[in-house]
C-alpha atoms as a PDB file:
ATOM      1  CA  MET A   1     -20.916   3.302   3.074  1.00  0.00           C
ATOM      2  CA  ILE A   2     -22.725   1.664   0.164  1.00  0.00           C
ATOM      3  CA  HIS A   3     -26.459   2.156  -0.297  1.00  0.00           C
ATOM      4  CA  GLU A   4     -28.298   0.161  -2.959  1.00  0.00           C
ATOM      5  CA  VAL A   5     -31.039   2.377  -4.377  1.00  0.00           C
ATOM      6  CA  SER A   6     -33.702   2.392  -7.074  1.00  0.00           C
ATOM      7  CA  GLY A   7     -34.423   5.348  -9.319  1.00  0.00           C
ATOM      8  CA  ASP A   8     -32.988   7.489 -12.084  1.00  0.00           C
ATOM      9  CA  ILE A   9     -29.251   8.056 -11.622  1.00  0.00           C
ATOM     10  CA  LEU A  10     -29.504  11.297 -13.621  1.00  0.00           C
ATOM     11  CA  LEU A  11     -31.556  12.718 -10.746  1.00  0.00           C
ATOM     12  CA  THR A  12     -28.948  11.855  -8.132  1.00  0.00           C
ATOM     13  CA  LYS A  13     -27.949  14.392  -5.503  1.00  0.00           C
ATOM     14  CA  ALA A  14     -24.486  12.792  -5.365  1.00  0.00           C
ATOM     15  CA  GLN A  15     -21.648  15.067  -6.382  1.00  0.00           C
ATOM     16  CA  ALA A  16     -20.120  12.484  -8.724  1.00  0.00           C
ATOM     17  CA  ILE A  17     -21.344   9.759 -11.043  1.00  0.00           C
ATOM     18  CA  ALA A  18     -19.185   6.840 -12.154  1.00  0.00           C
ATOM     19  CA  HIS A  19     -20.006   4.642 -15.129  1.00  0.00           C
ATOM     20  CA  GLY A  20     -18.291   2.144 -17.378  1.00  0.00           C
ATOM     21  CA  VAL A  21     -17.139   2.919 -20.897  1.00  0.00           C
ATOM     22  CA  ALA A  22     -14.706   1.648 -23.499  1.00  0.00           C
ATOM     23  CA  PRO A  23     -11.687   3.712 -24.576  1.00  0.00           C
ATOM     24  CA  ASN A  24     -13.398   4.182 -27.960  1.00  0.00           C
ATOM     25  CA  ASP A  25     -16.907   4.713 -26.582  1.00  0.00           C
ATOM     26  CA  HIS A  26     -19.290   6.762 -28.707  1.00  0.00           C
ATOM     27  CA  PHE A  27     -21.672   7.389 -25.799  1.00  0.00           C
ATOM     28  CA  ASP A  28     -24.528   6.143 -27.969  1.00  0.00           C
ATOM     29  CA  SER A  29     -26.296   3.666 -25.667  1.00  0.00           C
ATOM     30  CA  GLY A  30     -27.372   3.132 -22.085  1.00  0.00           C
ATOM     31  CA  LEU A  31     -26.239   5.452 -19.320  1.00  0.00           C
ATOM     32  CA  ALA A  32     -23.425   6.830 -21.477  1.00  0.00           C
ATOM     33  CA  LEU A  33     -26.011   8.150 -23.958  1.00  0.00           C
ATOM     34  CA  ALA A  34     -28.064   9.717 -21.165  1.00  0.00           C
ATOM     35  CA  LEU A  35     -24.941  11.384 -19.772  1.00  0.00           C
ATOM     36  CA  ARG A  36     -23.996  12.656 -23.239  1.00  0.00           C
ATOM     37  CA  GLU A  37     -27.470  14.126 -23.647  1.00  0.00           C
ATOM     38  CA  SER A  38     -27.231  15.830 -20.239  1.00  0.00           C
ATOM     39  CA  TRP A  39     -23.625  17.027 -20.680  1.00  0.00           C
ATOM     40  CA  PRO A  40     -22.713  17.094 -24.398  1.00  0.00           C
ATOM     41  CA  ALA A  41     -19.366  18.741 -23.640  1.00  0.00           C
ATOM     42  CA  MET A  42     -18.311  15.657 -21.684  1.00  0.00           C
ATOM     43  CA  ALA A  43     -18.546  13.378 -24.721  1.00  0.00           C
ATOM     44  CA  LYS A  44     -16.649  15.904 -26.843  1.00  0.00           C
ATOM     45  CA  ASP A  45     -13.953  16.262 -24.175  1.00  0.00           C
ATOM     46  CA  PHE A  46     -13.755  12.463 -23.859  1.00  0.00           C
ATOM     47  CA  ARG A  47     -13.103  12.079 -27.590  1.00  0.00           C
ATOM     48  CA  HIS A  48     -10.345  14.706 -27.355  1.00  0.00           C
ATOM     49  CA  TYR A  49      -8.834  12.942 -24.318  1.00  0.00           C
ATOM     50  CA  VAL A  50      -8.895   9.569 -26.101  1.00  0.00           C
ATOM     51  CA  HIS A  51      -7.171  10.932 -29.210  1.00  0.00           C
ATOM     52  CA  GLN A  52      -4.492  12.602 -27.108  1.00  0.00           C
ATOM     53  CA  THR A  53      -3.735   9.844 -24.585  1.00  0.00           C
ATOM     54  CA  HIS A  54      -4.899   6.513 -26.096  1.00  0.00           C
ATOM     55  CA  PRO A  55      -6.181   5.115 -22.770  1.00  0.00           C
ATOM     56  CA  LYS A  56      -6.245   1.412 -22.035  1.00  0.00           C
ATOM     57  CA  PRO A  57      -8.968  -0.652 -20.364  1.00  0.00           C
ATOM     58  CA  GLY A  58      -8.785  -0.378 -16.581  1.00  0.00           C
ATOM     59  CA  GLU A  59      -7.979   3.341 -16.624  1.00  0.00           C
ATOM     60  CA  LEU A  60     -10.175   6.219 -15.487  1.00  0.00           C
ATOM     61  CA  TRP A  61     -10.893   9.702 -16.818  1.00  0.00           C
ATOM     62  CA  MET A  62     -12.686  12.271 -14.694  1.00  0.00           C
ATOM     63  CA  TRP A  63     -14.683  15.107 -16.228  1.00  0.00           C
ATOM     64  CA  GLY A  64     -15.765  18.176 -14.284  1.00  0.00           C
ATOM     65  CA  GLY A  65     -18.921  19.941 -15.351  1.00  0.00           C
ATOM     66  CA  PRO A  66     -21.119  22.898 -14.454  1.00  0.00           C
ATOM     67  CA  GLY A  67     -22.302  23.145 -10.877  1.00  0.00           C
ATOM     68  CA  GLY A  68     -19.434  20.993  -9.602  1.00  0.00           C
ATOM     69  CA  VAL A  69     -20.643  17.696 -11.092  1.00  0.00           C
ATOM     70  CA  ARG A  70     -17.935  15.106 -11.625  1.00  0.00           C
ATOM     71  CA  ILE A  71     -18.252  12.168 -14.002  1.00  0.00           C
ATOM     72  CA  PHE A  72     -15.816   9.294 -13.583  1.00  0.00           C
ATOM     73  CA  ASN A  73     -15.516   7.424 -16.864  1.00  0.00           C
ATOM     74  CA  LEU A  74     -14.204   3.992 -15.938  1.00  0.00           C
ATOM     75  CA  MET A  75     -12.641   2.069 -18.817  1.00  0.00           C
ATOM     76  CA  THR A  76     -14.301  -1.240 -17.997  1.00  0.00           C
ATOM     77  CA  GLN A  77     -14.637  -2.445 -21.588  1.00  0.00           C
ATOM     78  CA  GLU A  78     -12.294  -3.318 -24.409  1.00  0.00           C
ATOM     79  CA  GLY A  79     -12.128  -0.842 -27.227  1.00  0.00           C
ATOM     80  CA  ASP A  80      -9.785  -0.196 -30.093  1.00  0.00           C
ATOM     81  CA  ILE A  81      -9.520   3.529 -30.786  1.00  0.00           C
ATOM     82  CA  ALA A  82      -9.494   2.906 -34.566  1.00  0.00           C
ATOM     83  CA  HIS A  83     -12.064   4.924 -36.475  1.00  0.00           C
ATOM     84  CA  GLY A  84     -15.410   3.171 -36.520  1.00  0.00           C
ATOM     85  CA  ALA A  85     -14.470   0.496 -33.984  1.00  0.00           C
ATOM     86  CA  ARG A  86     -17.268  -0.484 -31.595  1.00  0.00           C
ATOM     87  CA  PRO A  87     -16.850  -0.872 -27.830  1.00  0.00           C
ATOM     88  CA  GLY A  88     -16.169  -4.423 -26.731  1.00  0.00           C
ATOM     89  CA  LYS A  89     -17.209  -6.364 -23.654  1.00  0.00           C
ATOM     90  CA  ALA A  90     -16.128  -5.657 -20.111  1.00  0.00           C
ATOM     91  CA  GLN A  91     -13.669  -7.889 -18.298  1.00  0.00           C
ATOM     92  CA  VAL A  92     -13.382  -8.443 -14.556  1.00  0.00           C
ATOM     93  CA  SER A  93      -9.715  -7.391 -14.596  1.00  0.00           C
ATOM     94  CA  TYR A  94     -10.642  -4.054 -16.205  1.00  0.00           C
ATOM     95  CA  VAL A  95     -13.395  -3.435 -13.647  1.00  0.00           C
ATOM     96  CA  ASN A  96     -10.985  -4.351 -10.864  1.00  0.00           C
ATOM     97  CA  HIS A  97      -8.331  -1.880 -12.049  1.00  0.00           C
ATOM     98  CA  ALA A  98     -10.852   0.887 -12.740  1.00  0.00           C
ATOM     99  CA  LEU A  99     -12.442   0.537  -9.294  1.00  0.00           C
ATOM    100  CA  ARG A 100      -9.001   0.637  -7.676  1.00  0.00           C
ATOM    101  CA  ARG A 101      -8.305   3.890  -9.554  1.00  0.00           C
ATOM    102  CA  LEU A 102     -11.728   5.250  -8.586  1.00  0.00           C
ATOM    103  CA  ARG A 103     -11.087   4.552  -4.909  1.00  0.00           C
ATOM    104  CA  HIS A 104      -7.769   6.382  -5.139  1.00  0.00           C
ATOM    105  CA  GLU A 105      -9.543   9.389  -6.647  1.00  0.00           C
ATOM    106  CA  LEU A 106     -12.221   9.324  -3.949  1.00  0.00           C
ATOM    107  CA  ASP A 107      -9.529   9.229  -1.261  1.00  0.00           C
ATOM    108  CA  THR A 108      -7.498  12.090  -2.749  1.00  0.00           C
ATOM    109  CA  GLN A 109     -10.130  14.411  -4.251  1.00  0.00           C
ATOM    110  CA  SER A 110     -12.825  16.419  -2.497  1.00  0.00           C
ATOM    111  CA  ILE A 111     -15.698  14.192  -3.581  1.00  0.00           C
ATOM    112  CA  ARG A 112     -18.598  14.246  -1.100  1.00  0.00           C
ATOM    113  CA  SER A 113     -20.778  11.456  -2.555  1.00  0.00           C
ATOM    114  CA  LEU A 114     -20.855   9.060  -5.502  1.00  0.00           C
ATOM    115  CA  ALA A 115     -23.559   7.373  -7.589  1.00  0.00           C
ATOM    116  CA  LEU A 116     -22.972   4.502  -9.982  1.00  0.00           C
ATOM    117  CA  PRO A 117     -25.047   1.913 -11.833  1.00  0.00           C
ATOM    118  CA  LYS A 118     -24.588  -1.846 -11.781  1.00  0.00           C
ATOM    119  CA  LEU A 119     -21.230  -1.251 -13.409  1.00  0.00           C
ATOM    120  CA  ALA A 120     -20.277  -3.191 -16.563  1.00  0.00           C
ATOM    121  CA  THR A 121     -23.467  -5.285 -16.524  1.00  0.00           C
ATOM    122  CA  GLY A 122     -25.362  -3.600 -19.355  1.00  0.00           C
ATOM    123  CA  VAL A 123     -23.421  -3.098 -22.572  1.00  0.00           C
ATOM    124  CA  GLY A 124     -20.363  -4.511 -20.769  1.00  0.00           C
ATOM    125  CA  GLY A 125     -22.072  -7.879 -20.410  1.00  0.00           C
ATOM    126  CA  LEU A 126     -20.795  -8.964 -16.978  1.00  0.00           C
ATOM    127  CA  GLU A 127     -22.996 -10.593 -14.355  1.00  0.00           C
ATOM    128  CA  TRP A 128     -23.974  -8.436 -11.367  1.00  0.00           C
ATOM    129  CA  SER A 129     -23.064 -11.315  -9.046  1.00  0.00           C
ATOM    130  CA  VAL A 130     -19.455 -10.925 -10.247  1.00  0.00           C
ATOM    131  CA  VAL A 131     -19.248  -7.121 -10.162  1.00  0.00           C
ATOM    132  CA  LYS A 132     -21.094  -6.437  -6.893  1.00  0.00           C
ATOM    133  CA  PRO A 133     -18.359  -7.960  -4.666  1.00  0.00           C
ATOM    134  CA  LEU A 134     -15.730  -5.799  -6.424  1.00  0.00           C
ATOM    135  CA  ILE A 135     -17.744  -2.660  -5.743  1.00  0.00           C
ATOM    136  CA  HIS A 136     -18.023  -3.639  -2.082  1.00  0.00           C
ATOM    137  CA  GLU A 137     -14.308  -4.482  -1.905  1.00  0.00           C
ATOM    138  CA  TYR A 138     -13.148  -1.134  -3.271  1.00  0.00           C
ATOM    139  CA  LEU A 139     -15.913   1.262  -2.231  1.00  0.00           C
ATOM    140  CA  GLY A 140     -17.433  -0.358   0.855  1.00  0.00           C
ATOM    141  CA  SER A 141     -15.050   1.360   3.259  1.00  0.00           C
ATOM    142  CA  ALA A 142     -15.138   4.753   1.517  1.00  0.00           C
ATOM    143  CA  LYS A 143     -15.701   7.662   3.873  1.00  0.00           C
ATOM    144  CA  ILE A 144     -18.454   9.037   1.648  1.00  0.00           C
ATOM    145  CA  PRO A 145     -21.930   7.777   0.739  1.00  0.00           C
ATOM    146  CA  VAL A 146     -21.858   5.550  -2.342  1.00  0.00           C
ATOM    147  CA  PHE A 147     -25.206   4.975  -4.070  1.00  0.00           C
ATOM    148  CA  VAL A 148     -25.417   1.932  -6.324  1.00  0.00           C
ATOM    149  CA  TYR A 149     -28.433   2.201  -8.600  1.00  0.00           C
ATOM    150  CA  THR A 150     -29.544  -1.415  -8.831  1.00  0.00           C
ATOM    151  CA  THR A 151     -32.958  -0.782 -10.392  1.00  0.00           C
ATOM    152  CA  TYR A 152     -33.677   1.930 -12.955  1.00  0.00           C
ATOM    153  CA  HIS A 153     -36.913   3.915 -12.710  1.00  0.00           C
ATOM    154  CA  LYS A 154     -36.986   6.760 -15.231  1.00  0.00           C
ATOM    155  CA  GLY A 155     -37.815  10.128 -13.698  1.00  0.00           C
ATOM    156  CA  GLN A 156     -37.842   8.819 -10.122  1.00  0.00           C
ATOM    157  CA  LYS A 157     -35.478  10.217  -7.496  1.00  0.00           C
ATOM    158  CA  ALA A 158     -33.856   7.637  -5.260  1.00  0.00           C
ATOM    159  CA  ASP A 159     -33.696   7.906  -1.498  1.00  0.00           C
ATOM    160  CA  GLU A 160     -30.048   8.859  -0.994  1.00  0.00           C
ATOM    161  CA  PRO A 161     -29.234   9.254   2.702  1.00  0.00           C
ATOM    162  CA  GLY A 162     -26.411  11.743   3.238  1.00  0.00           C
ATOM    163  CA  ALA A 163     -26.117  12.855  -0.409  1.00  0.00           C
END
């Protein structure tokens, strides 16, 4: 079930967080930066993963951290892995594929709850009115609580029923 919440996603009680990135993301802005600051090893591991596998937009990479946290890095944006290249904009097709992959992971892994922002609407540049229906299509029938952080309030915990 999807719950739209307000607060600071870094304070979530959900077991997993999903967010959008580009295959060449430097984790230097928005939620990606905040995640890098909270879990620096994740950004380092992501760079290693990218150099080894050369992922394409629409793919997903999951990172497991201390205390059982899981971060789903959804490749919702374009991004050439060339040195110095900057992440590009998100595309609906990439979000669609990444959410399909995320749902598969939620159905096959032991994930108890998930938090995500208004995916691909910040740096990615998509409109929430386009992305929201995709989130409902792929995650609305999930058997776990899904918390969509629609409004950011730094330092404020959201009300997350069932987290």
